[in-house]
């Protein structure tokens, strides 16, 4: 047993009746034990889908089904759960094989995300849905002070593509105008065109970041 589970349970604001469930939720399959966290991860994934869906339903009364789906997709994923795992400092509690440990396993977003889902699945089994909802809602509020599409749905390129296909029947074209700065601090500048007309120019630390920034600007112009 991990002596520090007390600290983790305090951080969670939840104390397990069956610490064995928590132990299982924190055991990675690389450990080669008779149990691991994969089944609890499966359950936790379904529980979190519902809990986050319910949270958005009650906190975003004016949002459409499509908007809520997009927001949930940007929260209920590997990055979102890894962020929550980090807030709980979950990495230091996971049981890993020495090979996985040496491979920086405690920092891997996939591993952290899976452990977070498993812990939520374990809390659900140990208590009920309301308890999981209370924990997750509290974490959502502290990690994301503002939950809306602009803040969360950062994939502006996809959003813009949907918008331009619906409005113009074509997709935007991104042109790399140039790069500047030394190799370790390169900056990329791109222009974004729709129907041969330039809608935005932006810079970023990578081509992708510059394209996202240009797409964001173009969305604001089209919607404004």
C-alpha atoms as a PDB file:
ATOM      1  CA  UNK A   1       0.000   0.000   0.000  1.00  0.00           C
ATOM      2  CA  UNK A   2       1.088   3.538  -0.694  1.00  0.00           C
ATOM      3  CA  UNK A   3       1.536   5.464   2.549  1.00  0.00           C
ATOM      4  CA  UNK A   4       0.728   8.736   0.822  1.00  0.00           C
ATOM      5  CA  UNK A   5      -2.795   7.812  -0.227  1.00  0.00           C
ATOM      6  CA  UNK A   6      -3.961   9.944   2.714  1.00  0.00           C
ATOM      7  CA  UNK A   7      -2.586  13.060   1.025  1.00  0.00           C
ATOM      8  CA  UNK A   8      -4.199  12.147  -2.293  1.00  0.00           C
ATOM      9  CA  UNK A   9      -7.550  11.495  -0.605  1.00  0.00           C
ATOM     10  CA  UNK A  10      -7.327  14.880   1.132  1.00  0.00           C
ATOM     11  CA  UNK A  11      -6.604  16.580  -2.203  1.00  0.00           C
ATOM     12  CA  UNK A  12      -9.578  14.760  -3.738  1.00  0.00           C
ATOM     13  CA  UNK A  13     -11.759  15.646  -0.784  1.00  0.00           C
ATOM     14  CA  UNK A  14     -12.846  12.012  -0.697  1.00  0.00           C
ATOM     15  CA  UNK A  15     -11.832   9.093   1.534  1.00  0.00           C
ATOM     16  CA  UNK A  16     -12.289   5.587   0.179  1.00  0.00           C
ATOM     17  CA  UNK A  17     -14.164   2.896   2.076  1.00  0.00           C
ATOM     18  CA  UNK A  18     -12.200   0.386  -0.015  1.00  0.00           C
ATOM     19  CA  UNK A  19      -8.623   1.631  -0.454  1.00  0.00           C
ATOM     20  CA  UNK A  20      -8.080  -1.486  -2.576  1.00  0.00           C
ATOM     21  CA  UNK A  21     -10.171   0.210  -5.309  1.00  0.00           C
ATOM     22  CA  UNK A  22      -7.876   3.228  -5.237  1.00  0.00           C
ATOM     23  CA  UNK A  23      -4.854   0.926  -5.348  1.00  0.00           C
ATOM     24  CA  UNK A  24      -6.254  -0.771  -8.456  1.00  0.00           C
ATOM     25  CA  UNK A  25      -7.056   2.582 -10.097  1.00  0.00           C
ATOM     26  CA  UNK A  26      -3.422   3.614  -9.690  1.00  0.00           C
ATOM     27  CA  UNK A  27      -1.844   0.379 -10.945  1.00  0.00           C
ATOM     28  CA  UNK A  28      -0.581   0.537 -14.514  1.00  0.00           C
ATOM     29  CA  UNK A  29      -0.677  -2.637 -16.610  1.00  0.00           C
ATOM     30  CA  UNK A  30       3.150  -2.563 -16.885  1.00  0.00           C
ATOM     31  CA  UNK A  31       3.325  -3.698 -13.237  1.00  0.00           C
ATOM     32  CA  UNK A  32       2.368  -7.271 -14.187  1.00  0.00           C
ATOM     33  CA  UNK A  33       0.146  -7.638 -11.119  1.00  0.00           C
ATOM     34  CA  UNK A  34      -3.032  -9.705 -11.037  1.00  0.00           C
ATOM     35  CA  UNK A  35      -4.990  -6.448 -11.484  1.00  0.00           C
ATOM     36  CA  UNK A  36      -4.538  -3.096 -13.239  1.00  0.00           C
ATOM     37  CA  UNK A  37      -6.547   0.049 -13.868  1.00  0.00           C
ATOM     38  CA  UNK A  38      -7.868  -0.671 -17.373  1.00  0.00           C
ATOM     39  CA  UNK A  39     -11.353  -1.826 -16.362  1.00  0.00           C
ATOM     40  CA  UNK A  40     -11.799   1.096 -13.960  1.00  0.00           C
ATOM     41  CA  UNK A  41     -10.582   3.434 -16.697  1.00  0.00           C
ATOM     42  CA  UNK A  42     -13.330   2.083 -18.993  1.00  0.00           C
ATOM     43  CA  UNK A  43     -15.951   2.781 -16.322  1.00  0.00           C
ATOM     44  CA  UNK A  44     -14.517   6.179 -15.404  1.00  0.00           C
ATOM     45  CA  UNK A  45     -14.624   7.287 -19.028  1.00  0.00           C
ATOM     46  CA  UNK A  46     -18.395   6.682 -19.172  1.00  0.00           C
ATOM     47  CA  UNK A  47     -18.965   8.303 -15.762  1.00  0.00           C
ATOM     48  CA  UNK A  48     -16.987  11.425 -16.736  1.00  0.00           C
ATOM     49  CA  UNK A  49     -18.856  11.729 -20.015  1.00  0.00           C
ATOM     50  CA  UNK A  50     -22.127  11.901 -18.093  1.00  0.00           C
ATOM     51  CA  UNK A  51     -20.852  14.115 -15.242  1.00  0.00           C
ATOM     52  CA  UNK A  52     -19.301  16.697 -17.579  1.00  0.00           C
ATOM     53  CA  UNK A  53     -22.387  16.569 -19.827  1.00  0.00           C
ATOM     54  CA  UNK A  54     -24.650  17.266 -16.858  1.00  0.00           C
ATOM     55  CA  UNK A  55     -22.371  20.083 -15.661  1.00  0.00           C
ATOM     56  CA  UNK A  56     -22.511  21.799 -19.069  1.00  0.00           C
ATOM     57  CA  UNK A  57     -26.273  21.256 -19.321  1.00  0.00           C
ATOM     58  CA  UNK A  58     -26.881  23.093 -16.048  1.00  0.00           C
ATOM     59  CA  UNK A  59     -24.157  25.768 -16.407  1.00  0.00           C
ATOM     60  CA  UNK A  60     -24.722  26.734 -20.045  1.00  0.00           C
ATOM     61  CA  UNK A  61     -28.511  27.157 -20.304  1.00  0.00           C
ATOM     62  CA  UNK A  62     -28.252  29.180 -23.554  1.00  0.00           C
ATOM     63  CA  UNK A  63     -25.886  26.804 -25.399  1.00  0.00           C
ATOM     64  CA  UNK A  64     -27.124  24.563 -28.186  1.00  0.00           C
ATOM     65  CA  UNK A  65     -26.596  20.796 -28.296  1.00  0.00           C
ATOM     66  CA  UNK A  66     -23.859  21.294 -30.912  1.00  0.00           C
ATOM     67  CA  UNK A  67     -21.984  23.828 -28.800  1.00  0.00           C
ATOM     68  CA  UNK A  68     -22.211  21.679 -25.674  1.00  0.00           C
ATOM     69  CA  UNK A  69     -20.945  18.663 -27.640  1.00  0.00           C
ATOM     70  CA  UNK A  70     -17.918  20.624 -28.835  1.00  0.00           C
ATOM     71  CA  UNK A  71     -17.175  21.951 -25.354  1.00  0.00           C
ATOM     72  CA  UNK A  72     -17.517  18.503 -23.822  1.00  0.00           C
ATOM     73  CA  UNK A  73     -15.199  17.071 -26.489  1.00  0.00           C
ATOM     74  CA  UNK A  74     -12.583  19.673 -25.576  1.00  0.00           C
ATOM     75  CA  UNK A  75     -12.820  18.731 -21.866  1.00  0.00           C
ATOM     76  CA  UNK A  76     -13.380  14.968 -22.023  1.00  0.00           C
ATOM     77  CA  UNK A  77     -10.163  13.918 -23.734  1.00  0.00           C
ATOM     78  CA  UNK A  78      -6.575  12.949 -22.986  1.00  0.00           C
ATOM     79  CA  UNK A  79      -5.354  16.535 -22.590  1.00  0.00           C
ATOM     80  CA  UNK A  80      -8.271  17.560 -20.396  1.00  0.00           C
ATOM     81  CA  UNK A  81      -7.933  14.556 -18.087  1.00  0.00           C
ATOM     82  CA  UNK A  82      -4.117  14.831 -17.941  1.00  0.00           C
ATOM     83  CA  UNK A  83      -4.585  18.447 -16.786  1.00  0.00           C
ATOM     84  CA  UNK A  84      -6.921  17.254 -14.018  1.00  0.00           C
ATOM     85  CA  UNK A  85      -4.507  14.469 -13.069  1.00  0.00           C
ATOM     86  CA  UNK A  86      -1.710  17.043 -12.735  1.00  0.00           C
ATOM     87  CA  UNK A  87      -3.908  19.204 -10.498  1.00  0.00           C
ATOM     88  CA  UNK A  88      -4.160  16.178  -8.161  1.00  0.00           C
ATOM     89  CA  UNK A  89      -0.427  15.393  -8.542  1.00  0.00           C
ATOM     90  CA  UNK A  90      -1.593  11.931  -9.584  1.00  0.00           C
ATOM     91  CA  UNK A  91       1.653  11.042 -11.356  1.00  0.00           C
ATOM     92  CA  UNK A  92       3.537  10.436  -8.150  1.00  0.00           C
ATOM     93  CA  UNK A  93       1.017   7.851  -6.904  1.00  0.00           C
ATOM     94  CA  UNK A  94       0.860   5.617  -9.982  1.00  0.00           C
ATOM     95  CA  UNK A  95       2.427   2.150  -9.724  1.00  0.00           C
ATOM     96  CA  UNK A  96       4.610   1.559 -12.780  1.00  0.00           C
ATOM     97  CA  UNK A  97       7.176  -0.976 -13.950  1.00  0.00           C
ATOM     98  CA  UNK A  98      10.761   0.271 -13.694  1.00  0.00           C
ATOM     99  CA  UNK A  99      10.946   0.323 -17.522  1.00  0.00           C
ATOM    100  CA  UNK A 100       7.891   2.604 -17.723  1.00  0.00           C
ATOM    101  CA  UNK A 101       9.293   4.673 -14.843  1.00  0.00           C
ATOM    102  CA  UNK A 102      12.587   5.180 -16.738  1.00  0.00           C
ATOM    103  CA  UNK A 103      10.575   6.075 -19.819  1.00  0.00           C
ATOM    104  CA  UNK A 104       9.135   9.141 -18.061  1.00  0.00           C
ATOM    105  CA  UNK A 105       5.833   7.337 -17.517  1.00  0.00           C
ATOM    106  CA  UNK A 106       4.728   9.638 -14.696  1.00  0.00           C
ATOM    107  CA  UNK A 107       4.707  12.572 -17.107  1.00  0.00           C
ATOM    108  CA  UNK A 108       2.924  10.875 -20.031  1.00  0.00           C
ATOM    109  CA  UNK A 109      -0.448  12.526 -20.759  1.00  0.00           C
ATOM    110  CA  UNK A 110      -1.978   9.189 -21.861  1.00  0.00           C
ATOM    111  CA  UNK A 111      -0.946   7.452 -18.650  1.00  0.00           C
ATOM    112  CA  UNK A 112      -2.077  10.360 -16.438  1.00  0.00           C
ATOM    113  CA  UNK A 113      -5.385  10.627 -18.279  1.00  0.00           C
ATOM    114  CA  UNK A 114      -6.065   6.887 -17.902  1.00  0.00           C
ATOM    115  CA  UNK A 115      -5.243   6.981 -14.192  1.00  0.00           C
ATOM    116  CA  UNK A 116      -7.582   9.957 -13.682  1.00  0.00           C
ATOM    117  CA  UNK A 117     -10.435   8.132 -15.424  1.00  0.00           C
ATOM    118  CA  UNK A 118      -9.726   5.024 -13.338  1.00  0.00           C
ATOM    119  CA  UNK A 119      -9.730   6.977 -10.053  1.00  0.00           C
ATOM    120  CA  UNK A 120     -13.093   8.547 -10.961  1.00  0.00           C
ATOM    121  CA  UNK A 121     -14.426   5.068 -11.834  1.00  0.00           C
ATOM    122  CA  UNK A 122     -13.196   3.843  -8.458  1.00  0.00           C
ATOM    123  CA  UNK A 123     -14.887   6.718  -6.596  1.00  0.00           C
ATOM    124  CA  UNK A 124     -18.134   5.966  -8.461  1.00  0.00           C
ATOM    125  CA  UNK A 125     -18.010   2.305  -7.346  1.00  0.00           C
ATOM    126  CA  UNK A 126     -17.009   3.241  -3.804  1.00  0.00           C
ATOM    127  CA  UNK A 127     -19.785   5.859  -3.462  1.00  0.00           C
ATOM    128  CA  UNK A 128     -22.136   7.218  -6.143  1.00  0.00           C
ATOM    129  CA  UNK A 129     -22.459   9.485  -9.174  1.00  0.00           C
ATOM    130  CA  UNK A 130     -23.220  12.583  -7.084  1.00  0.00           C
ATOM    131  CA  UNK A 131     -19.904  12.263  -5.243  1.00  0.00           C
ATOM    132  CA  UNK A 132     -17.953  12.046  -8.512  1.00  0.00           C
ATOM    133  CA  UNK A 133     -19.913  15.026  -9.857  1.00  0.00           C
ATOM    134  CA  UNK A 134     -19.049  17.125  -6.787  1.00  0.00           C
ATOM    135  CA  UNK A 135     -15.323  16.385  -7.181  1.00  0.00           C
ATOM    136  CA  UNK A 136     -15.240  16.891 -10.957  1.00  0.00           C
ATOM    137  CA  UNK A 137     -17.373  20.064 -10.882  1.00  0.00           C
ATOM    138  CA  UNK A 138     -15.051  21.586  -8.285  1.00  0.00           C
ATOM    139  CA  UNK A 139     -12.038  20.734 -10.434  1.00  0.00           C
ATOM    140  CA  UNK A 140     -13.650  22.124 -13.602  1.00  0.00           C
ATOM    141  CA  UNK A 141     -14.326  25.404 -11.818  1.00  0.00           C
ATOM    142  CA  UNK A 142     -10.772  25.751 -10.514  1.00  0.00           C
ATOM    143  CA  UNK A 143      -9.009  24.682 -13.748  1.00  0.00           C
ATOM    144  CA  UNK A 144     -11.341  26.465 -16.192  1.00  0.00           C
ATOM    145  CA  UNK A 145     -12.560  29.747 -14.652  1.00  0.00           C
ATOM    146  CA  UNK A 146     -14.491  30.427 -17.873  1.00  0.00           C
ATOM    147  CA  UNK A 147     -16.118  27.605 -19.797  1.00  0.00           C
ATOM    148  CA  UNK A 148     -17.244  28.630 -23.262  1.00  0.00           C
ATOM    149  CA  UNK A 149     -16.488  27.794 -26.869  1.00  0.00           C
ATOM    150  CA  UNK A 150     -13.998  30.629 -27.388  1.00  0.00           C
ATOM    151  CA  UNK A 151     -11.952  29.683 -24.358  1.00  0.00           C
ATOM    152  CA  UNK A 152     -12.021  25.924 -24.755  1.00  0.00           C
ATOM    153  CA  UNK A 153     -12.496  25.009 -28.356  1.00  0.00           C
ATOM    154  CA  UNK A 154      -9.069  26.116 -29.472  1.00  0.00           C
ATOM    155  CA  UNK A 155      -9.121  24.310 -32.787  1.00  0.00           C
ATOM    156  CA  UNK A 156      -9.991  27.434 -34.722  1.00  0.00           C
ATOM    157  CA  UNK A 157      -8.917  25.906 -38.053  1.00  0.00           C
ATOM    158  CA  UNK A 158     -11.664  23.258 -37.870  1.00  0.00           C
ATOM    159  CA  UNK A 159     -14.253  25.818 -36.779  1.00  0.00           C
ATOM    160  CA  UNK A 160     -13.281  28.158 -39.625  1.00  0.00           C
ATOM    161  CA  UNK A 161     -13.362  25.358 -42.182  1.00  0.00           C
ATOM    162  CA  UNK A 162     -16.920  24.436 -41.132  1.00  0.00           C
ATOM    163  CA  UNK A 163     -17.893  28.102 -41.335  1.00  0.00           C
ATOM    164  CA  UNK A 164     -16.387  28.752 -44.786  1.00  0.00           C
ATOM    165  CA  UNK A 165     -17.744  25.516 -46.255  1.00  0.00           C
ATOM    166  CA  UNK A 166     -21.243  26.469 -45.119  1.00  0.00           C
ATOM    167  CA  UNK A 167     -20.956  30.075 -46.257  1.00  0.00           C
ATOM    168  CA  UNK A 168     -18.751  29.967 -49.362  1.00  0.00           C
ATOM    169  CA  UNK A 169     -18.650  26.278 -50.301  1.00  0.00           C
ATOM    170  CA  UNK A 170     -14.856  26.174 -49.986  1.00  0.00           C
ATOM    171  CA  UNK A 171     -12.091  25.909 -47.417  1.00  0.00           C
ATOM    172  CA  UNK A 172      -9.505  28.538 -46.378  1.00  0.00           C
ATOM    173  CA  UNK A 173      -6.002  28.597 -47.868  1.00  0.00           C
ATOM    174  CA  UNK A 174      -2.987  29.216 -45.592  1.00  0.00           C
ATOM    175  CA  UNK A 175       0.176  30.696 -47.112  1.00  0.00           C
ATOM    176  CA  UNK A 176       3.499  30.788 -45.274  1.00  0.00           C
ATOM    177  CA  UNK A 177       4.835  34.322 -45.796  1.00  0.00           C
ATOM    178  CA  UNK A 178       8.154  33.798 -44.048  1.00  0.00           C
ATOM    179  CA  UNK A 179      10.079  32.969 -40.903  1.00  0.00           C
ATOM    180  CA  UNK A 180      12.215  35.146 -38.664  1.00  0.00           C
ATOM    181  CA  UNK A 181      14.438  34.825 -35.605  1.00  0.00           C
ATOM    182  CA  UNK A 182      17.158  32.330 -34.620  1.00  0.00           C
ATOM    183  CA  UNK A 183      16.559  28.557 -34.871  1.00  0.00           C
ATOM    184  CA  UNK A 184      15.615  28.139 -31.201  1.00  0.00           C
ATOM    185  CA  UNK A 185      13.180  31.084 -31.337  1.00  0.00           C
ATOM    186  CA  UNK A 186      11.789  30.941 -34.837  1.00  0.00           C
ATOM    187  CA  UNK A 187       8.605  32.820 -35.618  1.00  0.00           C
ATOM    188  CA  UNK A 188       6.340  31.959 -38.531  1.00  0.00           C
ATOM    189  CA  UNK A 189       4.033  34.355 -40.362  1.00  0.00           C
ATOM    190  CA  UNK A 190       1.075  33.115 -42.364  1.00  0.00           C
ATOM    191  CA  UNK A 191      -1.653  34.729 -44.458  1.00  0.00           C
ATOM    192  CA  UNK A 192      -5.141  33.249 -44.638  1.00  0.00           C
ATOM    193  CA  UNK A 193      -7.215  33.593 -47.786  1.00  0.00           C
ATOM    194  CA  UNK A 194     -10.829  32.743 -48.513  1.00  0.00           C
ATOM    195  CA  UNK A 195     -11.993  33.000 -52.132  1.00  0.00           C
ATOM    196  CA  UNK A 196      -8.659  34.629 -53.079  1.00  0.00           C
ATOM    197  CA  UNK A 197      -9.180  37.410 -50.556  1.00  0.00           C
ATOM    198  CA  UNK A 198      -6.890  37.827 -47.556  1.00  0.00           C
ATOM    199  CA  UNK A 199      -8.832  37.702 -44.297  1.00  0.00           C
ATOM    200  CA  UNK A 200      -6.023  37.517 -41.747  1.00  0.00           C
ATOM    201  CA  UNK A 201      -2.296  37.502 -41.071  1.00  0.00           C
ATOM    202  CA  UNK A 202      -0.742  36.111 -37.942  1.00  0.00           C
ATOM    203  CA  UNK A 203       2.526  35.030 -36.353  1.00  0.00           C
ATOM    204  CA  UNK A 204       3.307  32.046 -34.130  1.00  0.00           C
ATOM    205  CA  UNK A 205       6.105  29.938 -32.705  1.00  0.00           C
ATOM    206  CA  UNK A 206       5.190  27.164 -35.152  1.00  0.00           C
ATOM    207  CA  UNK A 207       3.429  27.100 -38.513  1.00  0.00           C
ATOM    208  CA  UNK A 208       0.452  25.425 -36.824  1.00  0.00           C
ATOM    209  CA  UNK A 209       0.251  28.078 -34.074  1.00  0.00           C
ATOM    210  CA  UNK A 210       0.349  30.861 -36.683  1.00  0.00           C
ATOM    211  CA  UNK A 211      -2.408  29.156 -38.705  1.00  0.00           C
ATOM    212  CA  UNK A 212      -4.584  28.789 -35.575  1.00  0.00           C
ATOM    213  CA  UNK A 213      -4.084  32.480 -34.725  1.00  0.00           C
ATOM    214  CA  UNK A 214      -4.984  33.511 -38.297  1.00  0.00           C
ATOM    215  CA  UNK A 215      -8.047  31.249 -38.239  1.00  0.00           C
ATOM    216  CA  UNK A 216      -9.187  32.803 -34.949  1.00  0.00           C
ATOM    217  CA  UNK A 217      -8.907  36.296 -36.447  1.00  0.00           C
ATOM    218  CA  UNK A 218     -10.801  35.246 -39.589  1.00  0.00           C
ATOM    219  CA  UNK A 219     -13.619  33.710 -37.502  1.00  0.00           C
ATOM    220  CA  UNK A 220     -14.006  37.001 -35.617  1.00  0.00           C
ATOM    221  CA  UNK A 221     -14.174  38.928 -38.914  1.00  0.00           C
ATOM    222  CA  UNK A 222     -16.737  36.558 -40.429  1.00  0.00           C
ATOM    223  CA  UNK A 223     -18.901  36.540 -37.322  1.00  0.00           C
ATOM    224  CA  UNK A 224     -18.448  40.253 -36.646  1.00  0.00           C
END
